[in-house]
Amino acid sequence: MDDLTRKGPEDPAKINISQPWEIAYWTKELGISETKLIALVNKVGPEVTNVKAELRREKNRSNRDYNGFGY
């Protein structure tokens, strides 16, 4: 049975998007929406290091585009 009182991840190295408390924890921890979290996990897998790396890549791409280098 699921422990609905949980507030953090069961495995701090992986994101389990099938558990509501993990989604709540990681969206707050990463400062992103639930939709964005699920999309990132589907794209790069559940490893936290991969998700954070992809967020950095996206931010860098966005900054490059904003500064006129991506057009």
N, C-alpha and C. Protein backbone atom coordinates (compact mmCIF):
# COMPACT_ATOMS: atom_id res chain seq x y z
N MET A 1 0.84 -1.18 0.00
CA MET A 1 0.00 0.00 0.00
C MET A 1 0.89 1.25 0.00
N ASP A 2 0.47 2.26 -0.71
CA ASP A 2 1.22 3.50 -0.77
C ASP A 2 1.14 4.25 0.56
N ASP A 3 2.26 4.85 0.95
CA ASP A 3 2.30 5.70 2.13
C ASP A 3 2.05 7.13 1.68
N LEU A 4 0.84 7.62 1.86
CA LEU A 4 0.45 8.94 1.38
C LEU A 4 0.99 10.07 2.24
N THR A 5 1.65 9.74 3.35
CA THR A 5 2.25 10.77 4.19
C THR A 5 3.67 11.10 3.77
N ARG A 6 4.21 10.39 2.82
CA ARG A 6 5.57 10.62 2.34
C ARG A 6 5.69 12.02 1.76
N LYS A 7 6.82 12.64 2.01
CA LYS A 7 7.05 13.99 1.50
C LYS A 7 8.23 14.07 0.54
N GLY A 8 9.06 13.06 0.50
CA GLY A 8 10.25 13.09 -0.35
C GLY A 8 10.38 11.84 -1.19
N PRO A 9 11.42 11.79 -1.99
CA PRO A 9 11.60 10.64 -2.89
C PRO A 9 12.03 9.39 -2.14
N GLU A 10 11.60 8.26 -2.65
CA GLU A 10 12.02 6.99 -2.09
C GLU A 10 13.49 6.74 -2.40
N ASP A 11 13.89 7.06 -3.64
CA ASP A 11 15.28 6.96 -4.07
C ASP A 11 15.69 8.36 -4.52
N PRO A 12 16.56 9.04 -3.78
CA PRO A 12 16.90 10.43 -4.12
C PRO A 12 17.65 10.60 -5.44
N ALA A 13 18.05 9.51 -6.06
CA ALA A 13 18.76 9.59 -7.34
C ALA A 13 17.82 9.43 -8.53
N LYS A 14 16.56 9.05 -8.27
CA LYS A 14 15.61 8.81 -9.36
C LYS A 14 14.28 9.46 -9.07
N ILE A 15 13.60 9.85 -10.14
CA ILE A 15 12.28 10.48 -10.04
C ILE A 15 11.24 9.45 -10.47
N ASN A 16 10.34 9.15 -9.56
CA ASN A 16 9.27 8.19 -9.84
C ASN A 16 7.99 8.98 -10.11
N ILE A 17 7.66 9.14 -11.39
CA ILE A 17 6.49 9.96 -11.74
C ILE A 17 5.16 9.23 -11.55
N SER A 18 5.21 8.01 -11.04
CA SER A 18 3.94 7.32 -10.75
C SER A 18 3.51 7.50 -9.30
N GLN A 19 4.30 8.26 -8.52
CA GLN A 19 3.95 8.52 -7.13
C GLN A 19 3.67 10.02 -6.94
N PRO A 20 2.48 10.36 -6.50
CA PRO A 20 2.11 11.78 -6.35
C PRO A 20 3.05 12.57 -5.44
N TRP A 21 3.50 11.97 -4.33
CA TRP A 21 4.37 12.72 -3.42
C TRP A 21 5.72 12.99 -4.06
N GLU A 22 6.18 12.09 -4.94
CA GLU A 22 7.45 12.34 -5.62
C GLU A 22 7.29 13.45 -6.66
N ILE A 23 6.19 13.46 -7.36
CA ILE A 23 5.93 14.55 -8.31
C ILE A 23 5.90 15.88 -7.56
N ALA A 24 5.18 15.92 -6.44
CA ALA A 24 5.11 17.15 -5.65
C ALA A 24 6.49 17.57 -5.17
N TYR A 25 7.27 16.62 -4.68
CA TYR A 25 8.61 16.92 -4.18
C TYR A 25 9.50 17.47 -5.30
N TRP A 26 9.55 16.77 -6.43
CA TRP A 26 10.48 17.15 -7.50
C TRP A 26 10.07 18.42 -8.22
N THR A 27 8.78 18.67 -8.36
CA THR A 27 8.37 19.93 -9.00
C THR A 27 8.79 21.11 -8.14
N LYS A 28 8.65 20.96 -6.83
CA LYS A 28 9.07 22.04 -5.92
C LYS A 28 10.59 22.15 -5.91
N GLU A 29 11.28 21.03 -5.82
CA GLU A 29 12.74 21.02 -5.76
C GLU A 29 13.37 21.62 -7.02
N LEU A 30 12.79 21.32 -8.17
CA LEU A 30 13.35 21.79 -9.45
C LEU A 30 12.72 23.09 -9.94
N GLY A 31 11.63 23.50 -9.32
CA GLY A 31 10.98 24.75 -9.73
C GLY A 31 10.33 24.67 -11.09
N ILE A 32 9.73 23.52 -11.40
CA ILE A 32 9.07 23.32 -12.69
C ILE A 32 7.67 22.75 -12.47
N SER A 33 6.88 22.77 -13.53
CA SER A 33 5.52 22.25 -13.45
C SER A 33 5.51 20.72 -13.52
N GLU A 34 4.39 20.15 -13.13
CA GLU A 34 4.21 18.70 -13.21
C GLU A 34 4.34 18.23 -14.67
N THR A 35 3.73 18.99 -15.57
CA THR A 35 3.79 18.64 -17.00
C THR A 35 5.23 18.63 -17.49
N LYS A 36 6.00 19.64 -17.10
CA LYS A 36 7.40 19.74 -17.51
C LYS A 36 8.21 18.59 -16.92
N LEU A 37 7.99 18.26 -15.65
CA LEU A 37 8.70 17.16 -15.00
C LEU A 37 8.45 15.85 -15.73
N ILE A 38 7.20 15.57 -16.02
CA ILE A 38 6.86 14.31 -16.70
C ILE A 38 7.48 14.27 -18.09
N ALA A 39 7.44 15.39 -18.80
CA ALA A 39 8.04 15.44 -20.14
C ALA A 39 9.54 15.19 -20.07
N LEU A 40 10.21 15.79 -19.09
CA LEU A 40 11.66 15.59 -18.96
C LEU A 40 12.00 14.15 -18.62
N VAL A 41 11.25 13.55 -17.70
CA VAL A 41 11.50 12.15 -17.33
C VAL A 41 11.26 11.24 -18.53
N ASN A 42 10.22 11.52 -19.30
CA ASN A 42 9.96 10.73 -20.50
C ASN A 42 11.05 10.92 -21.54
N LYS A 43 11.67 12.09 -21.58
CA LYS A 43 12.71 12.38 -22.57
C LYS A 43 14.06 11.79 -22.19
N VAL A 44 14.49 11.99 -20.93
CA VAL A 44 15.86 11.62 -20.55
C VAL A 44 15.93 10.50 -19.52
N GLY A 45 14.79 10.03 -19.04
CA GLY A 45 14.80 8.97 -18.04
C GLY A 45 14.64 9.53 -16.63
N PRO A 46 14.53 8.64 -15.65
CA PRO A 46 14.21 9.06 -14.29
C PRO A 46 15.39 9.52 -13.44
N GLU A 47 16.62 9.40 -13.94
CA GLU A 47 17.77 9.79 -13.13
C GLU A 47 17.79 11.31 -12.93
N VAL A 48 17.90 11.73 -11.69
CA VAL A 48 17.86 13.15 -11.34
C VAL A 48 18.98 13.90 -12.06
N THR A 49 20.17 13.33 -12.13
CA THR A 49 21.28 14.02 -12.79
C THR A 49 20.98 14.29 -14.25
N ASN A 50 20.32 13.37 -14.93
CA ASN A 50 19.97 13.57 -16.34
C ASN A 50 18.89 14.64 -16.50
N VAL A 51 17.92 14.64 -15.60
CA VAL A 51 16.85 15.65 -15.66
C VAL A 51 17.43 17.03 -15.42
N LYS A 52 18.29 17.17 -14.41
CA LYS A 52 18.91 18.47 -14.13
C LYS A 52 19.79 18.92 -15.29
N ALA A 53 20.53 17.99 -15.89
CA ALA A 53 21.38 18.34 -17.03
C ALA A 53 20.53 18.83 -18.20
N GLU A 54 19.41 18.18 -18.46
CA GLU A 54 18.53 18.62 -19.55
C GLU A 54 17.93 19.99 -19.26
N LEU A 55 17.58 20.25 -18.01
CA LEU A 55 17.08 21.58 -17.65
C LEU A 55 18.15 22.65 -17.92
N ARG A 56 19.41 22.35 -17.58
CA ARG A 56 20.49 23.30 -17.85
C ARG A 56 20.67 23.51 -19.35
N ARG A 57 20.61 22.41 -20.12
CA ARG A 57 20.74 22.54 -21.59
C ARG A 57 19.62 23.41 -22.14
N GLU A 58 18.41 23.19 -21.69
CA GLU A 58 17.27 23.98 -22.17
C GLU A 58 17.44 25.45 -21.79
N LYS A 59 17.91 25.70 -20.58
CA LYS A 59 18.13 27.08 -20.15
C LYS A 59 19.21 27.74 -21.01
N ASN A 60 20.29 27.02 -21.27
CA ASN A 60 21.37 27.55 -22.10
C ASN A 60 20.88 27.83 -23.52
N ARG A 61 20.08 26.92 -24.08
CA ARG A 61 19.52 27.14 -25.42
C ARG A 61 18.62 28.37 -25.42
N SER A 62 17.82 28.50 -24.38
CA SER A 62 16.91 29.64 -24.28
C SER A 62 17.69 30.94 -24.17
N ASN A 63 18.73 30.96 -23.36
CA ASN A 63 19.56 32.16 -23.22
C ASN A 63 20.25 32.51 -24.53
N ARG A 64 20.73 31.50 -25.24
CA ARG A 64 21.38 31.73 -26.53
C ARG A 64 20.39 32.33 -27.52
N ASP A 65 19.20 31.77 -27.57
CA ASP A 65 18.18 32.28 -28.47
C ASP A 65 17.80 33.71 -28.10
N TYR A 66 17.67 33.96 -26.81
CA TYR A 66 17.28 35.29 -26.36
C TYR A 66 18.35 36.33 -26.71
N ASN A 67 19.61 35.92 -26.66
CA ASN A 67 20.71 36.84 -26.95
C ASN A 67 20.98 36.99 -28.46
N GLY A 68 20.16 36.34 -29.26
CA GLY A 68 20.29 36.51 -30.70
C GLY A 68 21.19 35.51 -31.39
N PHE A 69 21.72 34.56 -30.64
CA PHE A 69 22.63 33.59 -31.24
C PHE A 69 21.90 32.38 -31.84
N GLY A 70 20.65 32.20 -31.51
CA GLY A 70 19.93 31.02 -31.97
C GLY A 70 19.08 31.24 -33.19
N TYR A 71 19.13 32.44 -33.76
CA TYR A 71 18.26 32.72 -34.90
C TYR A 71 18.98 32.54 -36.21
